[in-house]
Amino acid sequence: MSETDPAEWIEIGTRPFVKDYDAVEAERPANLPFHLKGARMALLSSHIGGERTGGAIVAVDCPDLKILGGRSDVAALVDLRVATSFRRRGLGAALFERACAWSRAQACSEIRVETQDTNPAACRFYRSLGCTLYSLESGAYGAGCDETKVVWTYSLTRSLLH
């Protein structure tokens, strides 16, 4: 435990769980902006040698995004992905920092990101960047879905490099 994150984190090993985020048409990155009506957003991407290696979508002023709580000074990192063969090279952190920079330019004081308890790699990633737990919500995805919504927050008034 640290002073900035008083939670004690315990990861319990289970059978591997693979979720295909692109299996649902509306969840594909190319389609997400069409579901964020009225939002100001940035579409970010990373490339190495002409090959697209990852991307992120960050949005503000979007009433459809519940994690914003109706606040115009909070940004939502709607999606962040790095191609499997390019992971663990700092690209995700670079995309996150770029999303933070864009959000600061929009006069936001914090950025929030949603993931699920079934994605421990994402939870470890956001925690390693200095994000803190904002909320947990069981049953957020409807009946029959065994995932818990995990929302992380990051203060934009400090530097990512601590």
Foldseek 3Di string as FASTA:
>chain_A
DDPLAPDDDDDDDDPQDDDDQVPDVCSPPVNVVVVQPPWDKDWAFDDDPNHTFWIWMKTAPGPVDVVCVNDRQEMEGEDIDGPPVPPPPCPRVVRVQVSLVVSVVSNHFKYKYKDWPSCVVVVVVCVVQVWYWDDWAACPVHPPDGIIITMTMDTSVDHSPD
